[in-house]
């Protein structure tokens, strides 16, 4: 079984492995500690089922944007079911295949 097949196969169990009530406060603190500010655009690479994605949307405010990327289509399906927001876009892709211009 390759990595993509593995993550597709465990996607339905993924959220149960990490208790949201424990993880979400840690993720919120991490965003503050990393200096993520309102209105930023963030790439959530390996977004999985969207736990961090949801915290990012909350933290970034009305002007923030999140690009959620995962190579597991099934993980993205779950994230899409949980999170629909105009500030959010999804892409199914392997990180090695992404191309971004450098913002200097």
C-alpha atoms as a PDB file:
ATOM      1  CA  UNK A   1       0.000   0.000   0.000  1.00  0.00           C
ATOM      2  CA  UNK A   2       1.437   3.382  -0.969  1.00  0.00           C
ATOM      3  CA  UNK A   3       1.134   6.567   1.141  1.00  0.00           C
ATOM      4  CA  UNK A   4      -1.897   7.924  -0.725  1.00  0.00           C
ATOM      5  CA  UNK A   5      -3.758   4.625  -0.381  1.00  0.00           C
ATOM      6  CA  UNK A   6      -2.914   4.535   3.329  1.00  0.00           C
ATOM      7  CA  UNK A   7      -4.278   8.029   4.012  1.00  0.00           C
ATOM      8  CA  UNK A   8      -7.371   7.337   1.914  1.00  0.00           C
ATOM      9  CA  UNK A   9      -7.958   4.165   3.935  1.00  0.00           C
ATOM     10  CA  UNK A  10      -7.644   5.820   7.368  1.00  0.00           C
ATOM     11  CA  UNK A  11      -9.435   9.062   6.512  1.00  0.00           C
ATOM     12  CA  UNK A  12     -12.692   8.031   8.186  1.00  0.00           C
ATOM     13  CA  UNK A  13     -10.872   7.342  11.466  1.00  0.00           C
ATOM     14  CA  UNK A  14      -8.459  10.280  11.349  1.00  0.00           C
ATOM     15  CA  UNK A  15     -10.452  12.782  13.414  1.00  0.00           C
ATOM     16  CA  UNK A  16     -10.987  10.193  16.142  1.00  0.00           C
ATOM     17  CA  UNK A  17      -7.246   9.737  16.614  1.00  0.00           C
ATOM     18  CA  UNK A  18      -6.764  13.357  17.690  1.00  0.00           C
ATOM     19  CA  UNK A  19      -9.194  14.771  20.203  1.00  0.00           C
ATOM     20  CA  UNK A  20     -10.349  18.149  18.907  1.00  0.00           C
ATOM     21  CA  UNK A  21     -10.910  19.533  22.404  1.00  0.00           C
ATOM     22  CA  UNK A  22      -7.211  18.942  23.130  1.00  0.00           C
ATOM     23  CA  UNK A  23      -5.769  19.840  19.730  1.00  0.00           C
ATOM     24  CA  UNK A  24      -7.650  23.032  18.891  1.00  0.00           C
ATOM     25  CA  UNK A  25      -6.332  25.083  21.841  1.00  0.00           C
ATOM     26  CA  UNK A  26      -2.792  23.956  20.949  1.00  0.00           C
ATOM     27  CA  UNK A  27      -3.297  24.927  17.316  1.00  0.00           C
ATOM     28  CA  UNK A  28      -4.664  28.348  18.313  1.00  0.00           C
ATOM     29  CA  UNK A  29      -1.647  28.950  20.538  1.00  0.00           C
ATOM     30  CA  UNK A  30       0.694  27.809  17.782  1.00  0.00           C
ATOM     31  CA  UNK A  31      -0.743  30.360  15.347  1.00  0.00           C
ATOM     32  CA  UNK A  32      -0.189  33.125  17.883  1.00  0.00           C
ATOM     33  CA  UNK A  33       3.331  31.865  18.687  1.00  0.00           C
ATOM     34  CA  UNK A  34       4.213  31.749  14.975  1.00  0.00           C
ATOM     35  CA  UNK A  35       2.926  35.287  14.510  1.00  0.00           C
ATOM     36  CA  UNK A  36       0.183  34.410  12.026  1.00  0.00           C
ATOM     37  CA  UNK A  37      -1.888  37.554  11.657  1.00  0.00           C
ATOM     38  CA  UNK A  38      -5.361  38.474  10.531  1.00  0.00           C
ATOM     39  CA  UNK A  39      -5.853  38.863   6.817  1.00  0.00           C
ATOM     40  CA  UNK A  40      -2.979  36.623   5.751  1.00  0.00           C
ATOM     41  CA  UNK A  41      -3.150  33.985   3.042  1.00  0.00           C
ATOM     42  CA  UNK A  42      -1.990  30.603   4.308  1.00  0.00           C
ATOM     43  CA  UNK A  43      -1.153  27.365   2.510  1.00  0.00           C
ATOM     44  CA  UNK A  44      -2.327  24.432   4.646  1.00  0.00           C
ATOM     45  CA  UNK A  45      -0.184  21.737   3.068  1.00  0.00           C
ATOM     46  CA  UNK A  46      -1.250  18.264   4.126  1.00  0.00           C
ATOM     47  CA  UNK A  47      -4.541  19.628   5.435  1.00  0.00           C
ATOM     48  CA  UNK A  48      -6.014  16.181   6.019  1.00  0.00           C
ATOM     49  CA  UNK A  49      -9.573  16.398   7.281  1.00  0.00           C
ATOM     50  CA  UNK A  50      -9.299  20.104   8.041  1.00  0.00           C
ATOM     51  CA  UNK A  51      -8.698  20.507  11.785  1.00  0.00           C
ATOM     52  CA  UNK A  52      -5.964  23.122  11.360  1.00  0.00           C
ATOM     53  CA  UNK A  53      -7.826  24.591   8.388  1.00  0.00           C
ATOM     54  CA  UNK A  54     -10.828  25.405  10.577  1.00  0.00           C
ATOM     55  CA  UNK A  55      -8.618  27.051  13.214  1.00  0.00           C
ATOM     56  CA  UNK A  56      -6.838  29.054  10.506  1.00  0.00           C
ATOM     57  CA  UNK A  57     -10.134  30.388   9.168  1.00  0.00           C
ATOM     58  CA  UNK A  58     -11.179  31.405  12.669  1.00  0.00           C
ATOM     59  CA  UNK A  59      -7.822  33.091  13.349  1.00  0.00           C
ATOM     60  CA  UNK A  60      -7.380  34.867  10.014  1.00  0.00           C
ATOM     61  CA  UNK A  61     -10.642  36.793  10.150  1.00  0.00           C
ATOM     62  CA  UNK A  62     -12.822  38.006   7.297  1.00  0.00           C
ATOM     63  CA  UNK A  63      -9.934  39.023   5.020  1.00  0.00           C
ATOM     64  CA  UNK A  64      -7.811  35.902   5.478  1.00  0.00           C
ATOM     65  CA  UNK A  65      -7.582  33.100   2.947  1.00  0.00           C
ATOM     66  CA  UNK A  66      -6.611  29.435   3.195  1.00  0.00           C
ATOM     67  CA  UNK A  67      -5.496  27.143   0.386  1.00  0.00           C
ATOM     68  CA  UNK A  68      -5.985  23.600   1.709  1.00  0.00           C
ATOM     69  CA  UNK A  69      -3.929  20.975  -0.114  1.00  0.00           C
ATOM     70  CA  UNK A  70      -3.696  17.239   0.439  1.00  0.00           C
ATOM     71  CA  UNK A  71      -2.766  14.355  -1.819  1.00  0.00           C
ATOM     72  CA  UNK A  72      -5.499  12.133  -0.354  1.00  0.00           C
ATOM     73  CA  UNK A  73      -8.773  12.747  -2.171  1.00  0.00           C
ATOM     74  CA  UNK A  74     -10.678  11.030   0.628  1.00  0.00           C
ATOM     75  CA  UNK A  75      -9.138  13.328   3.275  1.00  0.00           C
ATOM     76  CA  UNK A  76     -10.182  16.311   1.151  1.00  0.00           C
ATOM     77  CA  UNK A  77     -13.713  14.954   0.764  1.00  0.00           C
ATOM     78  CA  UNK A  78     -14.070  14.870   4.549  1.00  0.00           C
ATOM     79  CA  UNK A  79     -12.607  18.363   4.896  1.00  0.00           C
ATOM     80  CA  UNK A  80     -15.013  19.668   2.225  1.00  0.00           C
ATOM     81  CA  UNK A  81     -17.961  18.097   4.064  1.00  0.00           C
ATOM     82  CA  UNK A  82     -16.903  19.829   7.294  1.00  0.00           C
ATOM     83  CA  UNK A  83     -15.763  23.187   5.925  1.00  0.00           C
ATOM     84  CA  UNK A  84     -17.382  25.306   3.254  1.00  0.00           C
ATOM     85  CA  UNK A  85     -16.204  28.899   3.270  1.00  0.00           C
ATOM     86  CA  UNK A  86     -15.628  31.519   0.569  1.00  0.00           C
ATOM     87  CA  UNK A  87     -12.180  32.191   2.066  1.00  0.00           C
ATOM     88  CA  UNK A  88     -11.141  28.580   1.491  1.00  0.00           C
ATOM     89  CA  UNK A  89     -10.047  26.693  -1.611  1.00  0.00           C
ATOM     90  CA  UNK A  90      -9.061  23.040  -1.914  1.00  0.00           C
ATOM     91  CA  UNK A  91      -6.613  21.264  -4.145  1.00  0.00           C
ATOM     92  CA  UNK A  92      -5.771  17.586  -4.400  1.00  0.00           C
ATOM     93  CA  UNK A  93      -2.061  17.484  -5.167  1.00  0.00           C
ATOM     94  CA  UNK A  94       1.238  16.066  -4.033  1.00  0.00           C
ATOM     95  CA  UNK A  95       3.485  18.750  -2.529  1.00  0.00           C
ATOM     96  CA  UNK A  96       6.240  17.833  -4.991  1.00  0.00           C
ATOM     97  CA  UNK A  97       3.938  18.736  -7.895  1.00  0.00           C
ATOM     98  CA  UNK A  98       3.034  22.233  -6.661  1.00  0.00           C
ATOM     99  CA  UNK A  99       4.508  25.291  -8.252  1.00  0.00           C
ATOM    100  CA  UNK A 100       4.425  28.665  -6.534  1.00  0.00           C
ATOM    101  CA  UNK A 101       6.009  31.958  -7.398  1.00  0.00           C
ATOM    102  CA  UNK A 102       8.217  33.351  -4.698  1.00  0.00           C
ATOM    103  CA  UNK A 103       6.714  36.404  -3.006  1.00  0.00           C
ATOM    104  CA  UNK A 104       9.560  38.798  -2.205  1.00  0.00           C
END
